[in-house]
Amino acid sequence: MTHPKIDYVEFSSPALGASRDFFAKAFGWSFQDYGPTYAAMTNAGVDGGIQGDAAEANTAPLVILKADDLEAVETAVKAAGGVVVRPIFAFPGGRRFHFREPGGNELAVWSEK
């Protein structure tokens, strides 16, 4: 198994437009909108986005790892003591799952497959 690498950082915001405008004005970041509740960053130094869906609200940024074999990484996460908090689901561009590591941080892992 190839070890996953940090690939994406996702911010959560109940005011998606205001957050997008702030990052654009303060840092010159550009965005690509994917519907009314998601905007992906396109030139921020790392891939990322802003999740504006209230049902997906999270106060801390979500660090997302990329993997070739999503199921193998899920198995490794569980074996290492992680707890899956959102089972594998599909989204535009691939599939992912969320987990909490023993220190309480939530992370996600995604795959194009």
C-alpha atoms as a PDB file:
ATOM      1  CA  MET A   1       0.000   0.000   0.000  1.00  0.00           C
ATOM      2  CA  THR A   2       1.286   3.458  -0.882  1.00  0.00           C
ATOM      3  CA  HIS A   3       1.024   5.718   2.162  1.00  0.00           C
ATOM      4  CA  PRO A   4      -1.514   8.543   1.763  1.00  0.00           C
ATOM      5  CA  LYS A   5      -0.273  12.134   1.551  1.00  0.00           C
ATOM      6  CA  ILE A   6      -1.987  15.377   2.577  1.00  0.00           C
ATOM      7  CA  ASP A   7      -3.770  16.476  -0.579  1.00  0.00           C
ATOM      8  CA  TYR A   8      -6.544  18.921   0.310  1.00  0.00           C
ATOM      9  CA  VAL A   9      -7.667  21.253   3.093  1.00  0.00           C
ATOM     10  CA  GLU A  10     -11.353  22.016   3.472  1.00  0.00           C
ATOM     11  CA  PHE A  11     -12.675  24.965   5.460  1.00  0.00           C
ATOM     12  CA  SER A  12     -16.244  25.111   6.734  1.00  0.00           C
ATOM     13  CA  SER A  13     -18.237  28.321   6.619  1.00  0.00           C
ATOM     14  CA  PRO A  14     -21.879  29.205   7.249  1.00  0.00           C
ATOM     15  CA  ALA A  15     -21.168  32.319   5.103  1.00  0.00           C
ATOM     16  CA  LEU A  16     -19.592  30.781   2.010  1.00  0.00           C
ATOM     17  CA  GLY A  17     -19.700  33.965  -0.089  1.00  0.00           C
ATOM     18  CA  ALA A  18     -18.160  36.096   2.643  1.00  0.00           C
ATOM     19  CA  SER A  19     -15.393  33.556   3.283  1.00  0.00           C
ATOM     20  CA  ARG A  20     -14.662  33.206  -0.426  1.00  0.00           C
ATOM     21  CA  ASP A  21     -14.529  36.995  -0.811  1.00  0.00           C
ATOM     22  CA  PHE A  22     -12.265  37.336   2.235  1.00  0.00           C
ATOM     23  CA  PHE A  23      -9.693  34.811   0.987  1.00  0.00           C
ATOM     24  CA  ALA A  24      -9.773  36.336  -2.505  1.00  0.00           C
ATOM     25  CA  LYS A  25      -9.248  39.866  -1.195  1.00  0.00           C
ATOM     26  CA  ALA A  26      -6.749  39.073   1.572  1.00  0.00           C
ATOM     27  CA  PHE A  27      -4.630  36.472  -0.238  1.00  0.00           C
ATOM     28  CA  GLY A  28      -5.529  36.685  -3.928  1.00  0.00           C
ATOM     29  CA  TRP A  29      -6.938  33.151  -4.010  1.00  0.00           C
ATOM     30  CA  SER A  30      -9.257  32.187  -6.878  1.00  0.00           C
ATOM     31  CA  PHE A  31     -12.266  29.898  -6.601  1.00  0.00           C
ATOM     32  CA  GLN A  32     -14.290  27.516  -8.732  1.00  0.00           C
ATOM     33  CA  ASP A  33     -17.889  27.156  -7.543  1.00  0.00           C
ATOM     34  CA  TYR A  34     -19.413  23.675  -7.451  1.00  0.00           C
ATOM     35  CA  GLY A  35     -23.038  24.428  -6.737  1.00  0.00           C
ATOM     36  CA  PRO A  36     -24.421  26.820  -4.131  1.00  0.00           C
ATOM     37  CA  THR A  37     -22.620  25.300  -1.123  1.00  0.00           C
ATOM     38  CA  TYR A  38     -19.056  24.578  -2.290  1.00  0.00           C
ATOM     39  CA  ALA A  39     -16.163  26.606  -3.668  1.00  0.00           C
ATOM     40  CA  ALA A  40     -12.781  25.056  -4.503  1.00  0.00           C
ATOM     41  CA  MET A  41      -9.578  27.088  -4.125  1.00  0.00           C
ATOM     42  CA  THR A  42      -7.477  27.146  -7.291  1.00  0.00           C
ATOM     43  CA  ASN A  43      -4.250  29.011  -6.414  1.00  0.00           C
ATOM     44  CA  ALA A  44      -3.771  28.838  -2.648  1.00  0.00           C
ATOM     45  CA  GLY A  45      -0.554  26.788  -2.585  1.00  0.00           C
ATOM     46  CA  VAL A  46      -2.442  23.600  -1.723  1.00  0.00           C
ATOM     47  CA  ASP A  47      -5.693  22.301  -3.156  1.00  0.00           C
ATOM     48  CA  GLY A  48      -8.662  23.050  -0.960  1.00  0.00           C
ATOM     49  CA  GLY A  49     -12.152  24.386  -0.713  1.00  0.00           C
ATOM     50  CA  ILE A  50     -14.853  25.935   1.413  1.00  0.00           C
ATOM     51  CA  GLN A  51     -17.844  23.827   2.450  1.00  0.00           C
ATOM     52  CA  GLY A  52     -20.895  26.025   2.956  1.00  0.00           C
ATOM     53  CA  ASP A  53     -23.504  23.326   3.589  1.00  0.00           C
ATOM     54  CA  ALA A  54     -24.809  23.734   7.154  1.00  0.00           C
ATOM     55  CA  ALA A  55     -25.321  19.961   7.388  1.00  0.00           C
ATOM     56  CA  GLU A  56     -21.574  19.520   6.817  1.00  0.00           C
ATOM     57  CA  ALA A  57     -20.505  22.218   9.303  1.00  0.00           C
ATOM     58  CA  ASN A  58     -17.209  21.641  11.071  1.00  0.00           C
ATOM     59  CA  THR A  59     -15.410  24.328  13.058  1.00  0.00           C
ATOM     60  CA  ALA A  60     -11.890  23.054  12.336  1.00  0.00           C
ATOM     61  CA  PRO A  61     -10.369  22.803   8.863  1.00  0.00           C
ATOM     62  CA  LEU A  62     -10.622  19.301   7.443  1.00  0.00           C
ATOM     63  CA  VAL A  63      -7.303  17.868   6.266  1.00  0.00           C
ATOM     64  CA  ILE A  64      -7.854  15.391   3.439  1.00  0.00           C
ATOM     65  CA  LEU A  65      -5.388  12.680   2.469  1.00  0.00           C
ATOM     66  CA  LYS A  66      -5.262  11.089  -0.987  1.00  0.00           C
ATOM     67  CA  ALA A  67      -4.985   7.324  -1.408  1.00  0.00           C
ATOM     68  CA  ASP A  68      -4.903   4.850  -4.261  1.00  0.00           C
ATOM     69  CA  ASP A  69      -6.779   2.144  -2.322  1.00  0.00           C
ATOM     70  CA  LEU A  70      -9.479   3.672  -0.133  1.00  0.00           C
ATOM     71  CA  GLU A  71     -10.559   0.394   1.457  1.00  0.00           C
ATOM     72  CA  ALA A  72      -6.965  -0.535   2.418  1.00  0.00           C
ATOM     73  CA  VAL A  73      -6.484   2.845   4.095  1.00  0.00           C
ATOM     74  CA  GLU A  74      -9.799   2.510   5.940  1.00  0.00           C
ATOM     75  CA  THR A  75      -8.630  -0.884   7.242  1.00  0.00           C
ATOM     76  CA  ALA A  76      -5.278   0.614   8.319  1.00  0.00           C
ATOM     77  CA  VAL A  77      -7.017   3.528  10.069  1.00  0.00           C
ATOM     78  CA  LYS A  78      -9.217   1.143  12.059  1.00  0.00           C
ATOM     79  CA  ALA A  79      -6.281  -1.142  12.901  1.00  0.00           C
ATOM     80  CA  ALA A  80      -4.302   1.833  14.217  1.00  0.00           C
ATOM     81  CA  GLY A  81      -7.132   2.900  16.553  1.00  0.00           C
ATOM     82  CA  GLY A  82      -8.949   5.419  14.364  1.00  0.00           C
ATOM     83  CA  VAL A  83     -12.740   5.580  14.352  1.00  0.00           C
ATOM     84  CA  VAL A  84     -14.610   5.986  11.077  1.00  0.00           C
ATOM     85  CA  VAL A  85     -17.156   8.768  11.629  1.00  0.00           C
ATOM     86  CA  ARG A  86     -18.441   8.901   8.053  1.00  0.00           C
ATOM     87  CA  PRO A  87     -18.284   5.707   5.984  1.00  0.00           C
ATOM     88  CA  ILE A  88     -17.102   5.704   2.371  1.00  0.00           C
ATOM     89  CA  PHE A  89     -19.333   7.840   0.150  1.00  0.00           C
ATOM     90  CA  ALA A  90     -19.204   9.089  -3.433  1.00  0.00           C
ATOM     91  CA  PHE A  91     -18.798  12.746  -4.389  1.00  0.00           C
ATOM     92  CA  PRO A  92     -18.056  14.496  -7.695  1.00  0.00           C
ATOM     93  CA  GLY A  93     -14.526  13.357  -8.515  1.00  0.00           C
ATOM     94  CA  GLY A  94     -14.272  10.211  -6.405  1.00  0.00           C
ATOM     95  CA  ARG A  95     -15.033   8.661  -3.029  1.00  0.00           C
ATOM     96  CA  ARG A  96     -13.953   9.411   0.538  1.00  0.00           C
ATOM     97  CA  PHE A  97     -14.450   8.600   4.203  1.00  0.00           C
ATOM     98  CA  HIS A  98     -13.899  10.575   7.415  1.00  0.00           C
ATOM     99  CA  PHE A  99     -12.251   9.335  10.585  1.00  0.00           C
ATOM    100  CA  ARG A 100     -11.221  10.600  13.990  1.00  0.00           C
ATOM    101  CA  GLU A 101      -7.719   9.792  15.264  1.00  0.00           C
ATOM    102  CA  PRO A 102      -7.208   9.039  18.991  1.00  0.00           C
ATOM    103  CA  GLY A 103      -6.374  12.689  19.762  1.00  0.00           C
ATOM    104  CA  GLY A 104      -9.788  13.789  18.478  1.00  0.00           C
ATOM    105  CA  ASN A 105      -8.838  15.324  15.119  1.00  0.00           C
ATOM    106  CA  GLU A 106     -11.131  14.507  12.219  1.00  0.00           C
ATOM    107  CA  LEU A 107      -9.475  13.824   8.870  1.00  0.00           C
ATOM    108  CA  ALA A 108     -10.709  12.435   5.571  1.00  0.00           C
ATOM    109  CA  VAL A 109      -9.204  10.168   2.944  1.00  0.00           C
ATOM    110  CA  TRP A 110     -10.236  10.325  -0.711  1.00  0.00           C
ATOM    111  CA  SER A 111      -9.567   8.350  -3.863  1.00  0.00           C
ATOM    112  CA  GLU A 112     -10.424   8.924  -7.502  1.00  0.00           C
ATOM    113  CA  LYS A 113     -11.578   5.272  -7.683  1.00  0.00           C
END
